[in-house]
Amino acid sequence: MARRDAMSIDNECEALLAFAEAFLGQLPKYRRSDKAYYEKKARTLREYKAPTPSIRLRGLKMGVGDLLEMTSDLPAKAVSEIDANLAAKGLRTLSSARQGL
C-alpha cells in the first residue's frame, strides 16, 4: 500500500472538518439540543490534535462516524434537506458520508 503524503492527509482532514462543521450547523433545526451543543462538538473536532497526520485523520473519521451514528434516525426529508445544503456548499453529502468515510 502506497504511503500518502502529509499534505493529502491534511486536505482530507480539512474536508472532513468542513463537512462536520456544516452538518452540525444544521442539526439544531432537526434536534432539540441548542446550537451551542453542536458548536462545541464542531470545536472539539477542529481542536483534535494527534502525533501524526494519519492518526489525526483516523481520529476525525471516528468522531464523524459517531456523529453519523447519533443522527441515523433523522427522517428522510431532513436528510434530503441537509444533503442539498451541503452539496450547495460543495461539500460531501450526509448520504455519501453514511455510505463510507
N, C-alpha and C. Protein backbone atom coordinates (compact mmCIF):
# COMPACT_ATOMS: atom_id res chain seq x y z
N MET A 1 0.85 -1.18 0.00
CA MET A 1 0.00 0.00 0.00
C MET A 1 0.89 1.24 0.00
N ALA A 2 0.63 2.15 -0.89
CA ALA A 2 1.43 3.37 -1.01
C ALA A 2 1.16 4.31 0.16
N ARG A 3 2.22 4.92 0.63
CA ARG A 3 2.07 5.90 1.70
C ARG A 3 1.55 7.21 1.13
N ARG A 4 0.67 7.82 1.88
CA ARG A 4 0.14 9.13 1.45
C ARG A 4 0.98 10.22 2.08
N ASP A 5 1.13 11.32 1.35
CA ASP A 5 1.91 12.41 1.92
C ASP A 5 1.06 13.21 2.90
N ALA A 6 1.74 13.91 3.79
CA ALA A 6 1.06 14.65 4.85
C ALA A 6 0.10 15.69 4.29
N MET A 7 0.43 16.30 3.14
CA MET A 7 -0.43 17.33 2.57
C MET A 7 -1.78 16.73 2.14
N SER A 8 -1.77 15.57 1.51
CA SER A 8 -3.04 14.97 1.09
C SER A 8 -3.86 14.54 2.30
N ILE A 9 -3.20 14.08 3.34
CA ILE A 9 -3.91 13.71 4.57
C ILE A 9 -4.50 14.96 5.22
N ASP A 10 -3.72 16.03 5.27
CA ASP A 10 -4.23 17.29 5.83
C ASP A 10 -5.43 17.80 5.04
N ASN A 11 -5.37 17.68 3.72
CA ASN A 11 -6.51 18.10 2.88
C ASN A 11 -7.75 17.28 3.19
N GLU A 12 -7.56 15.97 3.38
CA GLU A 12 -8.70 15.12 3.72
C GLU A 12 -9.26 15.48 5.09
N CYS A 13 -8.36 15.79 6.03
CA CYS A 13 -8.81 16.22 7.36
C CYS A 13 -9.65 17.49 7.25
N GLU A 14 -9.17 18.45 6.48
CA GLU A 14 -9.90 19.71 6.33
C GLU A 14 -11.25 19.50 5.66
N ALA A 15 -11.32 18.63 4.67
CA ALA A 15 -12.60 18.34 4.00
C ALA A 15 -13.56 17.68 4.98
N LEU A 16 -13.06 16.79 5.80
CA LEU A 16 -13.89 16.12 6.80
C LEU A 16 -14.39 17.12 7.85
N LEU A 17 -13.51 18.02 8.26
CA LEU A 17 -13.91 19.04 9.24
C LEU A 17 -14.94 20.00 8.65
N ALA A 18 -14.75 20.39 7.40
CA ALA A 18 -15.72 21.29 6.75
C ALA A 18 -17.09 20.62 6.69
N PHE A 19 -17.11 19.34 6.32
CA PHE A 19 -18.37 18.58 6.30
C PHE A 19 -18.99 18.56 7.70
N ALA A 20 -18.20 18.18 8.71
CA ALA A 20 -18.72 18.04 10.07
C ALA A 20 -19.27 19.37 10.59
N GLU A 21 -18.55 20.45 10.37
CA GLU A 21 -18.99 21.76 10.86
C GLU A 21 -20.28 22.19 10.18
N ALA A 22 -20.36 22.01 8.87
CA ALA A 22 -21.57 22.39 8.15
C ALA A 22 -22.75 21.51 8.55
N PHE A 23 -22.50 20.22 8.69
CA PHE A 23 -23.53 19.28 9.11
C PHE A 23 -24.04 19.62 10.50
N LEU A 24 -23.12 19.80 11.43
CA LEU A 24 -23.51 20.13 12.81
C LEU A 24 -24.24 21.46 12.88
N GLY A 25 -23.87 22.39 12.01
CA GLY A 25 -24.54 23.69 11.99
C GLY A 25 -26.01 23.61 11.61
N GLN A 26 -26.38 22.54 10.92
CA GLN A 26 -27.78 22.37 10.50
C GLN A 26 -28.62 21.58 11.51
N LEU A 27 -27.98 20.86 12.40
CA LEU A 27 -28.73 19.96 13.28
C LEU A 27 -29.71 20.64 14.25
N PRO A 28 -29.43 21.86 14.73
CA PRO A 28 -30.43 22.46 15.64
C PRO A 28 -31.83 22.56 15.02
N LYS A 29 -31.89 22.61 13.70
CA LYS A 29 -33.19 22.67 13.02
C LYS A 29 -33.96 21.36 13.19
N TYR A 30 -33.24 20.25 13.38
CA TYR A 30 -33.87 18.93 13.41
C TYR A 30 -33.80 18.25 14.78
N ARG A 31 -33.07 18.82 15.70
CA ARG A 31 -32.89 18.23 17.03
C ARG A 31 -33.27 19.24 18.11
N ARG A 32 -33.52 18.73 19.29
CA ARG A 32 -33.90 19.62 20.39
C ARG A 32 -32.72 20.32 21.05
N SER A 33 -31.54 19.77 20.92
CA SER A 33 -30.37 20.39 21.53
C SER A 33 -30.13 21.77 20.94
N ASP A 34 -29.58 22.66 21.77
CA ASP A 34 -29.37 24.02 21.28
C ASP A 34 -28.11 24.11 20.41
N LYS A 35 -27.97 25.22 19.75
CA LYS A 35 -26.88 25.45 18.81
C LYS A 35 -25.51 25.32 19.49
N ALA A 36 -25.40 25.77 20.73
CA ALA A 36 -24.12 25.72 21.45
C ALA A 36 -23.62 24.28 21.61
N TYR A 37 -24.53 23.34 21.78
CA TYR A 37 -24.17 21.93 21.91
C TYR A 37 -23.44 21.45 20.65
N TYR A 38 -23.96 21.79 19.48
CA TYR A 38 -23.35 21.38 18.22
C TYR A 38 -22.09 22.17 17.91
N GLU A 39 -22.06 23.43 18.30
CA GLU A 39 -20.86 24.23 18.12
C GLU A 39 -19.70 23.65 18.93
N LYS A 40 -20.00 23.16 20.14
CA LYS A 40 -18.96 22.55 20.97
C LYS A 40 -18.44 21.28 20.33
N LYS A 41 -19.32 20.47 19.76
CA LYS A 41 -18.88 19.24 19.08
C LYS A 41 -17.97 19.59 17.90
N ALA A 42 -18.35 20.60 17.13
CA ALA A 42 -17.53 21.01 15.98
C ALA A 42 -16.18 21.53 16.46
N ARG A 43 -16.18 22.31 17.51
CA ARG A 43 -14.93 22.86 18.06
C ARG A 43 -14.02 21.73 18.56
N THR A 44 -14.62 20.72 19.20
CA THR A 44 -13.85 19.59 19.69
C THR A 44 -13.16 18.86 18.54
N LEU A 45 -13.88 18.65 17.44
CA LEU A 45 -13.26 18.02 16.27
C LEU A 45 -12.16 18.91 15.71
N ARG A 46 -12.41 20.20 15.57
CA ARG A 46 -11.44 21.13 14.99
C ARG A 46 -10.16 21.16 15.83
N GLU A 47 -10.30 21.08 17.15
CA GLU A 47 -9.14 21.22 18.04
C GLU A 47 -8.42 19.90 18.31
N TYR A 48 -8.92 18.80 17.76
CA TYR A 48 -8.31 17.50 17.98
C TYR A 48 -6.88 17.48 17.46
N LYS A 49 -5.97 17.09 18.31
CA LYS A 49 -4.55 17.00 17.96
C LYS A 49 -4.12 15.54 18.03
N ALA A 50 -3.18 15.18 17.20
CA ALA A 50 -2.64 13.83 17.20
C ALA A 50 -1.15 13.90 16.85
N PRO A 51 -0.41 12.86 17.19
CA PRO A 51 1.03 12.90 16.94
C PRO A 51 1.42 12.88 15.46
N THR A 52 0.56 12.36 14.61
CA THR A 52 0.86 12.33 13.17
C THR A 52 -0.42 12.67 12.39
N PRO A 53 -0.27 13.16 11.16
CA PRO A 53 -1.45 13.45 10.34
C PRO A 53 -2.35 12.23 10.13
N SER A 54 -1.75 11.06 9.92
CA SER A 54 -2.58 9.88 9.66
C SER A 54 -3.38 9.48 10.90
N ILE A 55 -2.81 9.64 12.07
CA ILE A 55 -3.55 9.34 13.30
C ILE A 55 -4.66 10.37 13.50
N ARG A 56 -4.37 11.63 13.16
CA ARG A 56 -5.41 12.66 13.26
C ARG A 56 -6.58 12.32 12.33
N LEU A 57 -6.28 11.91 11.11
CA LEU A 57 -7.34 11.55 10.16
C LEU A 57 -8.17 10.39 10.70
N ARG A 58 -7.51 9.38 11.23
CA ARG A 58 -8.24 8.25 11.80
C ARG A 58 -9.16 8.71 12.93
N GLY A 59 -8.66 9.57 13.80
CA GLY A 59 -9.47 10.08 14.91
C GLY A 59 -10.65 10.90 14.43
N LEU A 60 -10.42 11.74 13.42
CA LEU A 60 -11.51 12.55 12.87
C LEU A 60 -12.58 11.68 12.22
N LYS A 61 -12.14 10.64 11.52
CA LYS A 61 -13.10 9.73 10.91
C LYS A 61 -13.94 9.04 11.98
N MET A 62 -13.31 8.67 13.08
CA MET A 62 -14.07 8.06 14.17
C MET A 62 -15.07 9.04 14.76
N GLY A 63 -14.64 10.29 14.96
CA GLY A 63 -15.53 11.31 15.51
C GLY A 63 -16.70 11.60 14.60
N VAL A 64 -16.44 11.73 13.31
CA VAL A 64 -17.51 11.97 12.35
C VAL A 64 -18.41 10.74 12.26
N GLY A 65 -17.82 9.56 12.34
CA GLY A 65 -18.61 8.34 12.35
C GLY A 65 -19.58 8.31 13.52
N ASP A 66 -19.12 8.78 14.67
CA ASP A 66 -20.01 8.87 15.84
C ASP A 66 -21.16 9.83 15.58
N LEU A 67 -20.88 10.96 14.93
CA LEU A 67 -21.93 11.92 14.60
C LEU A 67 -22.96 11.29 13.66
N LEU A 68 -22.46 10.56 12.68
CA LEU A 68 -23.37 9.91 11.73
C LEU A 68 -24.25 8.89 12.45
N GLU A 69 -23.64 8.15 13.36
CA GLU A 69 -24.40 7.15 14.11
C GLU A 69 -25.47 7.80 14.98
N MET A 70 -25.12 8.90 15.64
CA MET A 70 -26.10 9.52 16.54
C MET A 70 -27.22 10.24 15.79
N THR A 71 -27.06 10.39 14.49
CA THR A 71 -28.12 11.03 13.70
C THR A 71 -28.73 10.05 12.69
N SER A 72 -28.52 8.78 12.91
CA SER A 72 -29.02 7.78 11.97
C SER A 72 -30.55 7.72 11.91
N ASP A 73 -31.19 8.29 12.91
CA ASP A 73 -32.66 8.27 12.94
C ASP A 73 -33.30 9.51 12.33
N LEU A 74 -32.51 10.37 11.70
CA LEU A 74 -33.09 11.55 11.06
C LEU A 74 -34.07 11.11 9.97
N PRO A 75 -35.21 11.77 9.87
CA PRO A 75 -36.16 11.42 8.81
C PRO A 75 -35.58 11.69 7.43
N ALA A 76 -36.08 10.96 6.44
CA ALA A 76 -35.58 11.08 5.07
C ALA A 76 -35.66 12.52 4.56
N LYS A 77 -36.72 13.23 4.93
CA LYS A 77 -36.87 14.63 4.48
C LYS A 77 -35.73 15.49 5.04
N ALA A 78 -35.38 15.27 6.29
CA ALA A 78 -34.29 16.03 6.89
C ALA A 78 -32.97 15.71 6.19
N VAL A 79 -32.74 14.43 5.91
CA VAL A 79 -31.51 14.03 5.22
C VAL A 79 -31.44 14.69 3.85
N SER A 80 -32.55 14.71 3.14
CA SER A 80 -32.58 15.34 1.81
C SER A 80 -32.26 16.83 1.90
N GLU A 81 -32.83 17.51 2.89
CA GLU A 81 -32.57 18.94 3.06
C GLU A 81 -31.10 19.18 3.42
N ILE A 82 -30.58 18.38 4.32
CA ILE A 82 -29.17 18.52 4.73
C ILE A 82 -28.26 18.24 3.53
N ASP A 83 -28.57 17.17 2.78
CA ASP A 83 -27.78 16.85 1.58
C ASP A 83 -27.75 18.03 0.62
N ALA A 84 -28.89 18.63 0.37
CA ALA A 84 -28.96 19.75 -0.57
C ALA A 84 -28.12 20.93 -0.08
N ASN A 85 -28.20 21.22 1.20
CA ASN A 85 -27.43 22.34 1.76
C ASN A 85 -25.93 22.07 1.71
N LEU A 86 -25.53 20.85 2.02
CA LEU A 86 -24.11 20.51 1.97
C LEU A 86 -23.59 20.55 0.53
N ALA A 87 -24.36 19.98 -0.38
CA ALA A 87 -23.96 19.96 -1.79
C ALA A 87 -23.84 21.38 -2.34
N ALA A 88 -24.73 22.27 -1.93
CA ALA A 88 -24.69 23.67 -2.38
C ALA A 88 -23.40 24.36 -1.93
N LYS A 89 -22.81 23.87 -0.84
CA LYS A 89 -21.55 24.43 -0.33
C LYS A 89 -20.34 23.70 -0.92
N GLY A 90 -20.60 22.74 -1.80
CA GLY A 90 -19.51 21.99 -2.40
C GLY A 90 -18.92 20.93 -1.48
N LEU A 91 -19.68 20.52 -0.48
CA LEU A 91 -19.22 19.53 0.48
C LEU A 91 -19.85 18.17 0.20
N ARG A 92 -19.26 17.15 0.76
CA ARG A 92 -19.87 15.82 0.63
C ARG A 92 -21.22 15.86 1.32
N THR A 93 -22.11 15.01 0.88
CA THR A 93 -23.45 14.97 1.46
C THR A 93 -23.48 14.03 2.65
N LEU A 94 -24.52 14.18 3.44
CA LEU A 94 -24.72 13.27 4.56
C LEU A 94 -24.91 11.85 4.04
N SER A 95 -25.69 11.71 2.98
CA SER A 95 -25.93 10.39 2.41
C SER A 95 -24.63 9.72 1.96
N SER A 96 -23.75 10.48 1.31
CA SER A 96 -22.48 9.88 0.86
C SER A 96 -21.58 9.56 2.05
N ALA A 97 -21.59 10.41 3.08
CA ALA A 97 -20.79 10.13 4.28
C ALA A 97 -21.28 8.87 4.97
N ARG A 98 -22.59 8.66 4.97
CA ARG A 98 -23.14 7.45 5.59
C ARG A 98 -22.73 6.19 4.83
N GLN A 99 -22.44 6.33 3.55
CA GLN A 99 -22.03 5.18 2.74
C GLN A 99 -20.56 4.82 2.97
N GLY A 100 -19.83 5.75 3.52
CA GLY A 100 -18.43 5.45 3.82
C GLY A 100 -17.57 6.69 3.88
N LEU A 101 -16.77 6.76 4.91
CA LEU A 101 -15.84 7.88 5.05
C LEU A 101 -14.61 7.48 4.32
